[in-house]
Amino acid sequence: MPLLALIIGALVVIADQIIKYFIVTCLKPVGTVTVIDGLFNLTYVENRGVAFGMFQDMRVLFIVLTSLFIFAIVFYMFKNRPEGRLFYVLAGLIIGGGVGNLIDRIIYGYVIDYLSLSFFPPVCNFADYCITVGVAVLAVYYFVKSAGKDKKKVKKND
């Protein structure tokens, strides 16, 4: 099953880098293109920080932390072999998104962002959304799984 996560991660990286190639070649020269008026724009941004542009120009720290985080997930997967295909799909999204943004930081010194929603001010990218969805659903998954174990313990003690 860890192989599933690595395949998904590789697909996310490939998709992310292809999208960013087109963003750099087509969107960078124009800056912003309206996709859905008042809701969704494609806006070229060079993000030298992390989420919401915080902690600007700490490139080396972000490269080290991202690398350690990705290594920790991969190590955990292979060492503990968690049950359930959903874990590996979500881990693949997180790994792929992390590697996609890591490539940007190493090559360019910043992350290329381009997805701009009117109700969510920061400009993000495909990799960011893969990481966000992966982490959010994984947190819910473990919360529900943990709650199920607690219910079984209560029933055994009755």
N, C-alpha and C. Protein backbone atom coordinates (compact mmCIF):
# COMPACT_ATOMS: atom_id res chain seq x y z
N MET A 1 0.79 -1.22 0.00
CA MET A 1 0.00 0.00 0.00
C MET A 1 0.84 1.28 0.00
N PRO A 2 2.00 1.34 0.66
CA PRO A 2 2.79 2.56 0.57
C PRO A 2 3.12 2.95 -0.87
N LEU A 3 3.22 1.94 -1.74
CA LEU A 3 3.48 2.22 -3.15
C LEU A 3 2.35 3.05 -3.76
N LEU A 4 1.12 2.81 -3.33
CA LEU A 4 -0.02 3.59 -3.80
C LEU A 4 0.18 5.07 -3.49
N ALA A 5 0.61 5.37 -2.28
CA ALA A 5 0.86 6.76 -1.88
C ALA A 5 1.96 7.39 -2.73
N LEU A 6 3.01 6.63 -3.00
CA LEU A 6 4.11 7.16 -3.80
C LEU A 6 3.69 7.40 -5.25
N ILE A 7 2.84 6.53 -5.79
CA ILE A 7 2.34 6.73 -7.15
C ILE A 7 1.45 7.96 -7.21
N ILE A 8 0.54 8.08 -6.26
CA ILE A 8 -0.33 9.27 -6.21
C ILE A 8 0.51 10.52 -6.03
N GLY A 9 1.50 10.46 -5.14
CA GLY A 9 2.38 11.60 -4.93
C GLY A 9 3.10 11.99 -6.22
N ALA A 10 3.59 11.01 -6.96
CA ALA A 10 4.29 11.29 -8.22
C ALA A 10 3.34 11.92 -9.24
N LEU A 11 2.11 11.43 -9.30
CA LEU A 11 1.12 12.01 -10.22
C LEU A 11 0.79 13.45 -9.85
N VAL A 12 0.68 13.72 -8.56
CA VAL A 12 0.43 15.09 -8.10
C VAL A 12 1.59 16.00 -8.49
N VAL A 13 2.82 15.54 -8.28
CA VAL A 13 4.00 16.34 -8.64
C VAL A 13 4.01 16.63 -10.14
N ILE A 14 3.76 15.62 -10.95
CA ILE A 14 3.76 15.80 -12.40
C ILE A 14 2.70 16.81 -12.81
N ALA A 15 1.48 16.63 -12.31
CA ALA A 15 0.39 17.56 -12.63
C ALA A 15 0.73 18.97 -12.17
N ASP A 16 1.23 19.09 -10.96
CA ASP A 16 1.59 20.39 -10.39
C ASP A 16 2.64 21.10 -11.24
N GLN A 17 3.66 20.40 -11.63
CA GLN A 17 4.74 21.02 -12.39
C GLN A 17 4.31 21.35 -13.82
N ILE A 18 3.45 20.54 -14.42
CA ILE A 18 2.92 20.86 -15.75
C ILE A 18 2.06 22.12 -15.67
N ILE A 19 1.19 22.18 -14.68
CA ILE A 19 0.34 23.37 -14.51
C ILE A 19 1.21 24.60 -14.30
N LYS A 20 2.21 24.50 -13.45
CA LYS A 20 3.07 25.66 -13.16
C LYS A 20 3.87 26.08 -14.40
N TYR A 21 4.25 25.14 -15.24
CA TYR A 21 4.94 25.48 -16.48
C TYR A 21 4.05 26.39 -17.33
N PHE A 22 2.79 26.00 -17.48
CA PHE A 22 1.87 26.81 -18.28
C PHE A 22 1.54 28.14 -17.60
N ILE A 23 1.50 28.13 -16.28
CA ILE A 23 1.26 29.39 -15.56
C ILE A 23 2.40 30.36 -15.81
N VAL A 24 3.63 29.88 -15.74
CA VAL A 24 4.80 30.74 -15.96
C VAL A 24 4.84 31.23 -17.40
N THR A 25 4.60 30.35 -18.35
CA THR A 25 4.72 30.74 -19.76
C THR A 25 3.54 31.57 -20.26
N CYS A 26 2.35 31.30 -19.76
CA CYS A 26 1.16 31.98 -20.29
C CYS A 26 0.60 33.07 -19.37
N LEU A 27 0.60 32.83 -18.06
CA LEU A 27 -0.03 33.78 -17.13
C LEU A 27 0.93 34.85 -16.63
N LYS A 28 2.18 34.48 -16.40
CA LYS A 28 3.13 35.45 -15.86
C LYS A 28 3.19 36.74 -16.69
N PRO A 29 3.21 36.66 -18.02
CA PRO A 29 3.28 37.91 -18.79
C PRO A 29 2.05 38.81 -18.64
N VAL A 30 0.88 38.23 -18.35
CA VAL A 30 -0.34 39.06 -18.24
C VAL A 30 -0.72 39.35 -16.80
N GLY A 31 -0.28 38.55 -15.86
CA GLY A 31 -0.54 38.80 -14.44
C GLY A 31 -1.80 38.15 -13.92
N THR A 32 -2.97 38.55 -14.44
CA THR A 32 -4.24 38.03 -13.95
C THR A 32 -5.21 37.81 -15.11
N VAL A 33 -5.94 36.71 -15.02
CA VAL A 33 -7.00 36.41 -15.98
C VAL A 33 -8.25 36.06 -15.18
N THR A 34 -9.36 36.70 -15.48
CA THR A 34 -10.62 36.40 -14.81
C THR A 34 -11.21 35.14 -15.44
N VAL A 35 -11.53 34.17 -14.58
CA VAL A 35 -12.14 32.93 -15.04
C VAL A 35 -13.65 33.00 -14.80
N ILE A 36 -14.04 33.32 -13.57
CA ILE A 36 -15.44 33.54 -13.21
C ILE A 36 -15.50 34.89 -12.50
N ASP A 37 -16.10 35.86 -13.16
CA ASP A 37 -16.12 37.23 -12.67
C ASP A 37 -16.63 37.31 -11.23
N GLY A 38 -15.84 37.95 -10.37
CA GLY A 38 -16.20 38.15 -8.98
C GLY A 38 -16.01 36.93 -8.10
N LEU A 39 -15.51 35.83 -8.66
CA LEU A 39 -15.35 34.61 -7.87
C LEU A 39 -13.97 33.98 -8.01
N PHE A 40 -13.48 33.83 -9.25
CA PHE A 40 -12.27 33.04 -9.47
C PHE A 40 -11.40 33.67 -10.54
N ASN A 41 -10.15 33.94 -10.17
CA ASN A 41 -9.15 34.47 -11.10
C ASN A 41 -7.91 33.59 -11.09
N LEU A 42 -7.18 33.62 -12.17
CA LEU A 42 -5.83 33.07 -12.20
C LEU A 42 -4.91 34.28 -12.07
N THR A 43 -4.11 34.31 -11.02
CA THR A 43 -3.23 35.45 -10.73
C THR A 43 -1.83 34.93 -10.44
N TYR A 44 -0.86 35.37 -11.21
CA TYR A 44 0.51 34.92 -11.01
C TYR A 44 1.12 35.60 -9.78
N VAL A 45 1.61 34.78 -8.84
CA VAL A 45 2.24 35.29 -7.61
C VAL A 45 3.48 34.45 -7.32
N GLU A 46 4.55 35.13 -6.93
CA GLU A 46 5.76 34.45 -6.47
C GLU A 46 5.78 34.53 -4.95
N ASN A 47 5.45 33.41 -4.30
CA ASN A 47 5.32 33.37 -2.84
C ASN A 47 6.65 32.94 -2.22
N ARG A 48 7.32 33.86 -1.56
CA ARG A 48 8.61 33.58 -0.93
C ARG A 48 8.45 33.18 0.54
N GLY A 49 7.21 33.04 0.98
CA GLY A 49 6.92 32.64 2.35
C GLY A 49 6.22 31.29 2.36
N VAL A 50 5.37 31.12 3.38
CA VAL A 50 4.55 29.92 3.46
C VAL A 50 3.10 30.36 3.38
N ALA A 51 2.19 29.63 4.02
CA ALA A 51 0.77 29.94 3.96
C ALA A 51 0.51 31.42 4.21
N PHE A 52 -0.30 32.00 3.35
CA PHE A 52 -0.69 33.41 3.44
C PHE A 52 0.52 34.34 3.29
N GLY A 53 1.62 33.84 2.74
CA GLY A 53 2.81 34.66 2.52
C GLY A 53 3.58 34.99 3.79
N MET A 54 3.30 34.27 4.88
CA MET A 54 4.01 34.54 6.14
C MET A 54 5.45 34.05 6.06
N PHE A 55 6.29 34.61 6.91
CA PHE A 55 7.69 34.21 7.06
C PHE A 55 8.46 34.30 5.74
N GLN A 56 8.42 35.45 5.13
CA GLN A 56 9.07 35.70 3.85
C GLN A 56 10.58 35.43 3.92
N ASP A 57 11.11 34.96 2.82
CA ASP A 57 12.55 34.80 2.59
C ASP A 57 13.26 33.91 3.62
N MET A 58 12.60 32.81 3.98
CA MET A 58 13.23 31.81 4.85
C MET A 58 13.35 30.50 4.07
N ARG A 59 13.83 30.63 2.85
CA ARG A 59 13.87 29.54 1.87
C ARG A 59 14.54 28.28 2.41
N VAL A 60 15.72 28.41 2.96
CA VAL A 60 16.46 27.23 3.43
C VAL A 60 15.69 26.52 4.53
N LEU A 61 15.13 27.26 5.45
CA LEU A 61 14.34 26.66 6.53
C LEU A 61 13.16 25.89 5.96
N PHE A 62 12.44 26.46 4.98
CA PHE A 62 11.29 25.79 4.38
C PHE A 62 11.71 24.54 3.63
N ILE A 63 12.84 24.58 2.96
CA ILE A 63 13.33 23.41 2.24
C ILE A 63 13.64 22.29 3.22
N VAL A 64 14.31 22.63 4.31
CA VAL A 64 14.67 21.62 5.33
C VAL A 64 13.42 21.06 5.99
N LEU A 65 12.51 21.94 6.44
CA LEU A 65 11.30 21.48 7.13
C LEU A 65 10.41 20.63 6.22
N THR A 66 10.24 21.07 4.98
CA THR A 66 9.41 20.31 4.04
C THR A 66 10.04 18.94 3.78
N SER A 67 11.33 18.91 3.57
CA SER A 67 12.03 17.64 3.34
C SER A 67 11.87 16.70 4.52
N LEU A 68 12.04 17.21 5.74
CA LEU A 68 11.88 16.39 6.94
C LEU A 68 10.46 15.88 7.09
N PHE A 69 9.49 16.73 6.81
CA PHE A 69 8.09 16.35 6.93
C PHE A 69 7.74 15.24 5.92
N ILE A 70 8.19 15.39 4.69
CA ILE A 70 7.94 14.37 3.66
C ILE A 70 8.63 13.06 4.05
N PHE A 71 9.87 13.15 4.50
CA PHE A 71 10.59 11.96 4.94
C PHE A 71 9.84 11.27 6.09
N ALA A 72 9.33 12.05 7.03
CA ALA A 72 8.62 11.49 8.18
C ALA A 72 7.36 10.73 7.74
N ILE A 73 6.63 11.28 6.80
CA ILE A 73 5.42 10.61 6.31
C ILE A 73 5.79 9.30 5.62
N VAL A 74 6.78 9.35 4.75
CA VAL A 74 7.20 8.15 4.02
C VAL A 74 7.73 7.09 4.99
N PHE A 75 8.54 7.51 5.95
CA PHE A 75 9.06 6.58 6.96
C PHE A 75 7.93 5.94 7.74
N TYR A 76 6.97 6.76 8.18
CA TYR A 76 5.81 6.25 8.94
C TYR A 76 5.04 5.22 8.13
N MET A 77 4.82 5.53 6.84
CA MET A 77 4.06 4.61 5.98
C MET A 77 4.73 3.25 5.89
N PHE A 78 6.03 3.26 5.64
CA PHE A 78 6.72 1.99 5.44
C PHE A 78 6.97 1.25 6.75
N LYS A 79 7.15 1.97 7.84
CA LYS A 79 7.42 1.33 9.13
C LYS A 79 6.14 0.78 9.77
N ASN A 80 5.09 1.58 9.79
CA ASN A 80 3.87 1.20 10.51
C ASN A 80 2.79 0.57 9.63
N ARG A 81 2.85 0.80 8.33
CA ARG A 81 1.87 0.24 7.40
C ARG A 81 0.44 0.39 7.92
N PRO A 82 -0.04 1.62 8.05
CA PRO A 82 -1.40 1.84 8.56
C PRO A 82 -2.44 1.14 7.69
N GLU A 83 -3.55 0.78 8.33
CA GLU A 83 -4.63 0.11 7.60
C GLU A 83 -5.43 1.14 6.82
N GLY A 84 -6.05 0.69 5.76
CA GLY A 84 -6.97 1.53 5.00
C GLY A 84 -6.34 2.24 3.83
N ARG A 85 -6.95 2.05 2.68
CA ARG A 85 -6.47 2.68 1.46
C ARG A 85 -6.56 4.20 1.53
N LEU A 86 -7.56 4.72 2.24
CA LEU A 86 -7.75 6.17 2.33
C LEU A 86 -6.50 6.85 2.89
N PHE A 87 -5.88 6.27 3.89
CA PHE A 87 -4.66 6.86 4.45
C PHE A 87 -3.62 7.07 3.36
N TYR A 88 -3.41 6.07 2.53
CA TYR A 88 -2.37 6.13 1.51
C TYR A 88 -2.70 7.13 0.40
N VAL A 89 -3.98 7.24 0.06
CA VAL A 89 -4.40 8.25 -0.92
C VAL A 89 -4.12 9.65 -0.37
N LEU A 90 -4.50 9.88 0.88
CA LEU A 90 -4.28 11.19 1.50
C LEU A 90 -2.80 11.48 1.69
N ALA A 91 -2.05 10.48 2.10
CA ALA A 91 -0.60 10.65 2.25
C ALA A 91 0.02 10.99 0.89
N GLY A 92 -0.46 10.37 -0.17
CA GLY A 92 0.02 10.67 -1.51
C GLY A 92 -0.24 12.12 -1.90
N LEU A 93 -1.42 12.63 -1.56
CA LEU A 93 -1.73 14.04 -1.83
C LEU A 93 -0.77 14.96 -1.07
N ILE A 94 -0.55 14.66 0.19
CA ILE A 94 0.33 15.49 1.02
C ILE A 94 1.77 15.43 0.51
N ILE A 95 2.25 14.24 0.25
CA ILE A 95 3.63 14.08 -0.24
C ILE A 95 3.79 14.78 -1.58
N GLY A 96 2.87 14.53 -2.51
CA GLY A 96 2.96 15.14 -3.84
C GLY A 96 2.91 16.65 -3.80
N GLY A 97 2.00 17.19 -2.99
CA GLY A 97 1.92 18.64 -2.85
C GLY A 97 3.17 19.23 -2.23
N GLY A 98 3.69 18.54 -1.23
CA GLY A 98 4.92 19.01 -0.59
C GLY A 98 6.11 18.99 -1.54
N VAL A 99 6.24 17.92 -2.30
CA VAL A 99 7.34 17.82 -3.26
C VAL A 99 7.18 18.86 -4.37
N GLY A 100 5.95 19.06 -4.85
CA GLY A 100 5.70 20.06 -5.89
C GLY A 100 6.17 21.44 -5.48
N ASN A 101 5.80 21.85 -4.27
CA ASN A 101 6.24 23.16 -3.78
C ASN A 101 7.73 23.18 -3.44
N LEU A 102 8.25 22.04 -2.99
CA LEU A 102 9.68 21.94 -2.70
C LEU A 102 10.51 22.16 -3.97
N ILE A 103 10.06 21.58 -5.05
CA ILE A 103 10.76 21.78 -6.34
C ILE A 103 10.83 23.27 -6.67
N ASP A 104 9.71 23.97 -6.52
CA ASP A 104 9.69 25.42 -6.78
C ASP A 104 10.71 26.15 -5.91
N ARG A 105 10.71 25.85 -4.63
CA ARG A 105 11.62 26.53 -3.70
C ARG A 105 13.08 26.30 -4.08
N ILE A 106 13.39 25.07 -4.46
CA ILE A 106 14.77 24.74 -4.82
C ILE A 106 15.16 25.41 -6.13
N ILE A 107 14.31 25.33 -7.14
CA ILE A 107 14.65 25.85 -8.47
C ILE A 107 14.55 27.37 -8.53
N TYR A 108 13.44 27.92 -8.05
CA TYR A 108 13.18 29.35 -8.22
C TYR A 108 13.47 30.20 -6.98
N GLY A 109 13.41 29.57 -5.81
CA GLY A 109 13.56 30.34 -4.57
C GLY A 109 12.23 30.83 -4.04
N TYR A 110 11.15 30.47 -4.70
CA TYR A 110 9.79 30.84 -4.29
C TYR A 110 8.83 29.79 -4.85
N VAL A 111 7.59 29.82 -4.35
CA VAL A 111 6.56 28.92 -4.84
C VAL A 111 5.66 29.71 -5.79
N ILE A 112 5.34 29.11 -6.90
CA ILE A 112 4.47 29.74 -7.89
C ILE A 112 3.02 29.48 -7.49
N ASP A 113 2.29 30.55 -7.21
CA ASP A 113 0.87 30.48 -6.86
C ASP A 113 0.06 31.13 -7.96
N TYR A 114 -1.20 30.71 -8.10
CA TYR A 114 -2.01 31.22 -9.21
C TYR A 114 -3.51 31.11 -9.03
N LEU A 115 -4.01 30.36 -8.07
CA LEU A 115 -5.44 30.19 -7.87
C LEU A 115 -5.96 31.23 -6.88
N SER A 116 -6.81 32.12 -7.35
CA SER A 116 -7.31 33.22 -6.53
C SER A 116 -8.84 33.17 -6.45
N LEU A 117 -9.35 32.89 -5.26
CA LEU A 117 -10.79 32.85 -5.01
C LEU A 117 -11.19 34.10 -4.24
N SER A 118 -12.31 34.71 -4.60
CA SER A 118 -12.72 35.96 -3.97
C SER A 118 -13.00 35.80 -2.47
N PHE A 119 -13.48 34.64 -2.04
CA PHE A 119 -13.84 34.41 -0.65
C PHE A 119 -12.68 33.87 0.19
N PHE A 120 -11.52 33.65 -0.44
CA PHE A 120 -10.33 33.15 0.26
C PHE A 120 -9.14 33.95 -0.25
N PRO A 121 -8.77 35.01 0.46
CA PRO A 121 -7.81 35.99 -0.05
C PRO A 121 -6.44 35.47 -0.52
N PRO A 122 -5.79 34.52 0.14
CA PRO A 122 -4.47 34.13 -0.34
C PRO A 122 -4.54 33.46 -1.72
N VAL A 123 -3.58 33.75 -2.55
CA VAL A 123 -3.45 33.06 -3.83
C VAL A 123 -2.69 31.76 -3.55
N CYS A 124 -3.22 30.64 -4.06
CA CYS A 124 -2.65 29.32 -3.78
C CYS A 124 -2.33 28.61 -5.09
N ASN A 125 -1.98 27.34 -4.99
CA ASN A 125 -1.73 26.54 -6.18
C ASN A 125 -2.28 25.13 -5.98
N PHE A 126 -2.20 24.32 -7.01
CA PHE A 126 -2.71 22.95 -6.98
C PHE A 126 -2.06 22.15 -5.84
N ALA A 127 -0.76 22.28 -5.68
CA ALA A 127 -0.04 21.55 -4.62
C ALA A 127 -0.57 21.95 -3.24
N ASP A 128 -0.81 23.25 -3.03
CA ASP A 128 -1.35 23.72 -1.75
C ASP A 128 -2.68 23.06 -1.44
N TYR A 129 -3.56 22.99 -2.45
CA TYR A 129 -4.87 22.37 -2.23
C TYR A 129 -4.75 20.88 -1.99
N CYS A 130 -3.80 20.21 -2.63
CA CYS A 130 -3.58 18.78 -2.36
C CYS A 130 -3.15 18.58 -0.91
N ILE A 131 -2.24 19.41 -0.44
CA ILE A 131 -1.78 19.33 0.95
C ILE A 131 -2.94 19.61 1.90
N THR A 132 -3.69 20.66 1.64
CA THR A 132 -4.79 21.07 2.52
C THR A 132 -5.86 19.99 2.61
N VAL A 133 -6.29 19.49 1.46
CA VAL A 133 -7.32 18.43 1.45
C VAL A 133 -6.77 17.18 2.14
N GLY A 134 -5.54 16.81 1.82
CA GLY A 134 -4.94 15.63 2.44
C GLY A 134 -4.88 15.72 3.95
N VAL A 135 -4.40 16.84 4.46
CA VAL A 135 -4.28 17.02 5.92
C VAL A 135 -5.66 17.09 6.58
N ALA A 136 -6.57 17.85 6.00
CA ALA A 136 -7.90 18.02 6.60
C ALA A 136 -8.66 16.70 6.66
N VAL A 137 -8.70 15.98 5.55
CA VAL A 137 -9.42 14.70 5.53
C VAL A 137 -8.72 13.67 6.41
N LEU A 138 -7.39 13.68 6.44
CA LEU A 138 -6.65 12.76 7.30
C LEU A 138 -6.95 13.03 8.78
N ALA A 139 -7.05 14.29 9.15
CA ALA A 139 -7.40 14.64 10.53
C ALA A 139 -8.80 14.14 10.88
N VAL A 140 -9.76 14.33 10.00
CA VAL A 140 -11.12 13.85 10.23
C VAL A 140 -11.12 12.32 10.29
N TYR A 141 -10.38 11.69 9.39
CA TYR A 141 -10.27 10.23 9.34
C TYR A 141 -9.78 9.69 10.69
N TYR A 142 -8.71 10.26 11.21
CA TYR A 142 -8.18 9.78 12.49
C TYR A 142 -9.08 10.14 13.66
N PHE A 143 -9.77 11.26 13.58
CA PHE A 143 -10.71 11.63 14.64
C PHE A 143 -11.85 10.63 14.69
N VAL A 144 -12.42 10.30 13.53
CA VAL A 144 -13.52 9.34 13.47
C VAL A 144 -13.04 7.95 13.88
N LYS A 145 -11.88 7.58 13.40
CA LYS A 145 -11.31 6.27 13.75
C LYS A 145 -11.07 6.17 15.26
N SER A 146 -10.54 7.24 15.85
CA SER A 146 -10.28 7.28 17.28
C SER A 146 -11.58 7.23 18.07
N ALA A 147 -12.59 7.95 17.61
CA ALA A 147 -13.89 7.96 18.29
C ALA A 147 -14.51 6.56 18.25
N GLY A 148 -14.33 5.85 17.14
CA GLY A 148 -14.84 4.48 17.02
C GLY A 148 -14.16 3.54 17.99
N LYS A 149 -12.86 3.70 18.19
CA LYS A 149 -12.12 2.87 19.15
C LYS A 149 -12.58 3.15 20.57
N ASP A 150 -12.83 4.44 20.88
CA ASP A 150 -13.30 4.80 22.22
C ASP A 150 -14.66 4.18 22.51
N LYS A 151 -15.55 4.14 21.52
CA LYS A 151 -16.88 3.54 21.71
C LYS A 151 -16.75 2.05 21.98
N LYS A 152 -15.82 1.38 21.27
CA LYS A 152 -15.62 -0.05 21.48
C LYS A 152 -15.10 -0.31 22.88
N LYS A 153 -14.21 0.55 23.40
CA LYS A 153 -13.68 0.40 24.75
C LYS A 153 -14.77 0.57 25.79
N VAL A 154 -15.65 1.55 25.58
CA VAL A 154 -16.76 1.78 26.51
C VAL A 154 -17.69 0.58 26.54
N LYS A 155 -18.00 0.00 25.37
CA LYS A 155 -18.90 -1.16 25.32
C LYS A 155 -18.26 -2.37 25.99
N LYS A 156 -16.93 -2.55 25.85
CA LYS A 156 -16.26 -3.69 26.49
C LYS A 156 -16.29 -3.54 28.00
N ASN A 157 -16.20 -2.32 28.51
CA ASN A 157 -16.17 -2.09 29.94
C ASN A 157 -17.54 -2.19 30.57
N ASP A 158 -18.61 -2.15 29.78
CA ASP A 158 -19.98 -2.23 30.34
C ASP A 158 -20.36 -3.59 30.76
